[in-house]
Amino acid sequence: MNRPGPAAPVLLEILESGGYPDFSGLYREAGFEPLRARSMRAGLRLLREAAPAVVVVEFVYTPHYSFRISSLESLMAGIQAAGRRPRLVVLAERADAAHLDRLEARMDIDARLLLPVHAETLRAALGPAPADPRLSRGER
């Protein structure tokens, strides 16, 4: 078991609609220090402040927007502005998979998991925790 140390790499979880199990224990066992945001706005703030190594985000299809598919576009803009690229794991409803396909054609997504998410699958999607947390923040 790889518990996070005092300078463990940060994992940012952005879950806007909720209803998910609490995976914070799994994140810690994988060697990450988890932070949770309940809105994309809060997630973007934490993205700038915490420089996460991994972002686990919920894909919420929003058909009422004429100019975007979901709030993932805001996240991708925030990642580009931050100048560092965390590993991106996207959780999606099966019914929204085709809409996520459209985004995936334009964005780099490291892993996409369709709901319901199983702990083992999520753990594998996280990848290994970086040995040196400064590397995940783009520092040398």
Protein backbone atom coordinates (compact mmCIF):
# COMPACT_ATOMS: atom_id res chain seq x y z
CA MET A 1 0.00 0.00 0.00
CA ASN A 2 1.43 3.37 -1.04
CA ARG A 3 0.05 5.91 1.43
CA PRO A 4 0.68 9.59 0.72
CA GLY A 5 3.59 11.18 2.50
CA PRO A 6 3.88 14.77 3.66
CA ALA A 7 4.41 15.99 0.09
CA ALA A 8 2.16 13.52 -1.75
CA PRO A 9 1.02 14.51 -5.24
CA VAL A 10 -2.44 16.05 -5.32
CA LEU A 11 -5.43 14.41 -6.96
CA LEU A 12 -8.29 16.81 -7.70
CA GLU A 13 -11.78 15.31 -7.91
CA ILE A 14 -14.48 17.50 -9.51
CA LEU A 15 -17.93 15.97 -9.08
CA GLU A 16 -20.72 18.44 -9.73
CA SER A 17 -23.82 16.26 -9.51
CA GLY A 18 -22.70 13.90 -6.75
CA GLY A 19 -24.07 10.46 -6.06
CA TYR A 20 -20.64 8.83 -6.27
CA PRO A 21 -18.96 6.68 -3.65
CA ASP A 22 -16.26 8.37 -1.60
CA PHE A 23 -13.03 7.26 -3.28
CA SER A 24 -10.74 9.36 -1.06
CA GLY A 25 -9.41 6.23 0.67
CA LEU A 26 -8.58 4.67 -2.70
CA TYR A 27 -6.81 7.88 -3.78
CA ARG A 28 -4.72 7.89 -0.58
CA GLU A 29 -3.85 4.20 -0.97
CA ALA A 30 -2.66 4.99 -4.51
CA GLY A 31 -0.28 7.60 -3.05
CA PHE A 32 -2.25 10.79 -3.73
CA GLU A 33 -3.55 13.54 -1.47
CA PRO A 34 -7.17 14.04 -2.59
CA LEU A 35 -8.96 17.37 -2.88
CA ARG A 36 -12.64 17.56 -3.81
CA ALA A 37 -14.59 20.28 -5.59
CA ARG A 38 -18.39 20.29 -5.94
CA SER A 39 -18.44 22.75 -8.85
CA MET A 40 -16.30 23.45 -11.89
CA ARG A 41 -15.64 26.97 -10.61
CA ALA A 42 -14.22 25.60 -7.35
CA GLY A 43 -12.33 22.96 -9.32
CA LEU A 44 -10.69 25.58 -11.53
CA ARG A 45 -9.59 27.51 -8.44
CA LEU A 46 -8.06 24.35 -6.94
CA LEU A 47 -6.44 23.52 -10.29
CA ARG A 48 -4.55 26.82 -10.12
CA GLU A 49 -3.74 26.63 -6.41
CA ALA A 50 -2.89 22.96 -5.89
CA ALA A 51 -1.25 21.93 -9.20
CA PRO A 52 -2.73 18.40 -9.18
CA ALA A 53 -0.96 15.44 -10.74
CA VAL A 54 -4.34 13.86 -11.56
CA VAL A 55 -7.82 15.29 -12.14
CA VAL A 56 -10.84 12.99 -11.86
CA VAL A 57 -13.82 14.83 -13.30
CA GLU A 58 -17.44 14.07 -13.99
CA PHE A 59 -18.67 14.65 -17.54
CA VAL A 60 -22.03 16.39 -17.39
CA TYR A 61 -23.60 16.81 -20.82
CA THR A 62 -25.34 20.18 -21.06
CA PRO A 63 -27.45 20.36 -24.23
CA HIS A 64 -28.80 23.82 -23.37
CA TYR A 65 -25.42 25.41 -24.18
CA SER A 66 -25.12 26.28 -27.85
CA PHE A 67 -21.37 26.94 -27.65
CA ARG A 68 -20.10 23.98 -25.63
CA ILE A 69 -20.89 20.39 -24.75
CA SER A 70 -20.04 20.42 -21.04
CA SER A 71 -18.02 22.14 -18.36
CA LEU A 72 -15.03 20.00 -19.40
CA GLU A 73 -14.20 22.68 -21.95
CA SER A 74 -13.70 25.13 -19.07
CA LEU A 75 -11.45 22.63 -17.33
CA MET A 76 -9.34 22.12 -20.45
CA ALA A 77 -8.96 25.88 -20.85
CA GLY A 78 -7.87 26.06 -17.20
CA ILE A 79 -5.32 23.29 -17.73
CA GLN A 80 -3.90 25.09 -20.77
CA ALA A 81 -3.72 28.37 -18.85
CA ALA A 82 -1.96 26.68 -15.94
CA GLY A 83 0.77 25.46 -18.28
CA ARG A 84 0.93 21.95 -16.87
CA ARG A 85 -0.93 18.83 -17.89
CA PRO A 86 -2.30 16.60 -15.14
CA ARG A 87 -3.51 13.10 -15.93
CA LEU A 88 -7.20 13.44 -16.81
CA VAL A 89 -9.72 10.76 -15.83
CA VAL A 90 -13.32 11.40 -16.95
CA LEU A 91 -16.39 9.70 -15.45
CA ALA A 92 -19.48 9.60 -17.68
CA GLU A 93 -22.95 8.14 -17.88
CA ARG A 94 -23.35 5.53 -20.63
CA ALA A 95 -26.10 7.63 -22.19
CA ASP A 96 -23.62 10.51 -22.62
CA ALA A 97 -20.78 8.46 -24.14
CA ALA A 98 -21.42 9.72 -27.70
CA HIS A 99 -21.22 13.33 -26.51
CA LEU A 100 -17.97 12.57 -24.70
CA ASP A 101 -16.67 11.06 -27.97
CA ARG A 102 -17.12 14.49 -29.59
CA LEU A 103 -15.04 16.13 -26.86
CA GLU A 104 -12.42 13.41 -26.90
CA ALA A 105 -11.83 14.15 -30.58
CA ARG A 106 -10.65 17.64 -29.53
CA MET A 107 -9.14 17.02 -26.09
CA ASP A 108 -6.57 14.73 -24.53
CA ILE A 109 -8.33 12.47 -22.06
CA ASP A 110 -6.13 9.84 -20.41
CA ALA A 111 -8.95 7.58 -19.22
CA ARG A 112 -12.72 7.54 -19.57
CA LEU A 113 -14.78 5.42 -17.22
CA LEU A 114 -18.47 4.74 -17.76
CA LEU A 115 -20.70 4.59 -14.72
CA PRO A 116 -21.00 2.75 -12.47
CA VAL A 117 -17.30 3.03 -11.68
CA HIS A 118 -15.63 0.15 -9.89
CA ALA A 119 -12.78 0.86 -7.47
CA GLU A 120 -10.30 -1.45 -9.28
CA THR A 121 -10.97 0.21 -12.63
CA LEU A 122 -10.58 3.68 -11.17
CA ARG A 123 -7.35 2.70 -9.39
CA ALA A 124 -5.88 1.44 -12.68
CA ALA A 125 -6.95 4.64 -14.49
CA LEU A 126 -5.10 6.83 -11.98
CA GLY A 127 -1.73 5.49 -13.07
CA PRO A 128 1.22 5.47 -10.68
CA ALA A 129 1.74 8.35 -8.28
CA PRO A 130 4.82 10.35 -9.33
CA ALA A 131 7.79 9.58 -7.10
CA ASP A 132 8.63 13.27 -6.84
CA PRO A 133 5.55 15.52 -6.43
CA ARG A 134 7.49 18.48 -7.87
CA LEU A 135 7.53 16.66 -11.21
CA SER A 136 3.74 16.59 -11.30
CA ARG A 137 3.71 20.35 -10.77
CA GLY A 138 6.10 21.07 -13.61
CA GLU A 139 8.94 22.05 -11.24
CA ARG A 140 12.52 20.82 -11.49
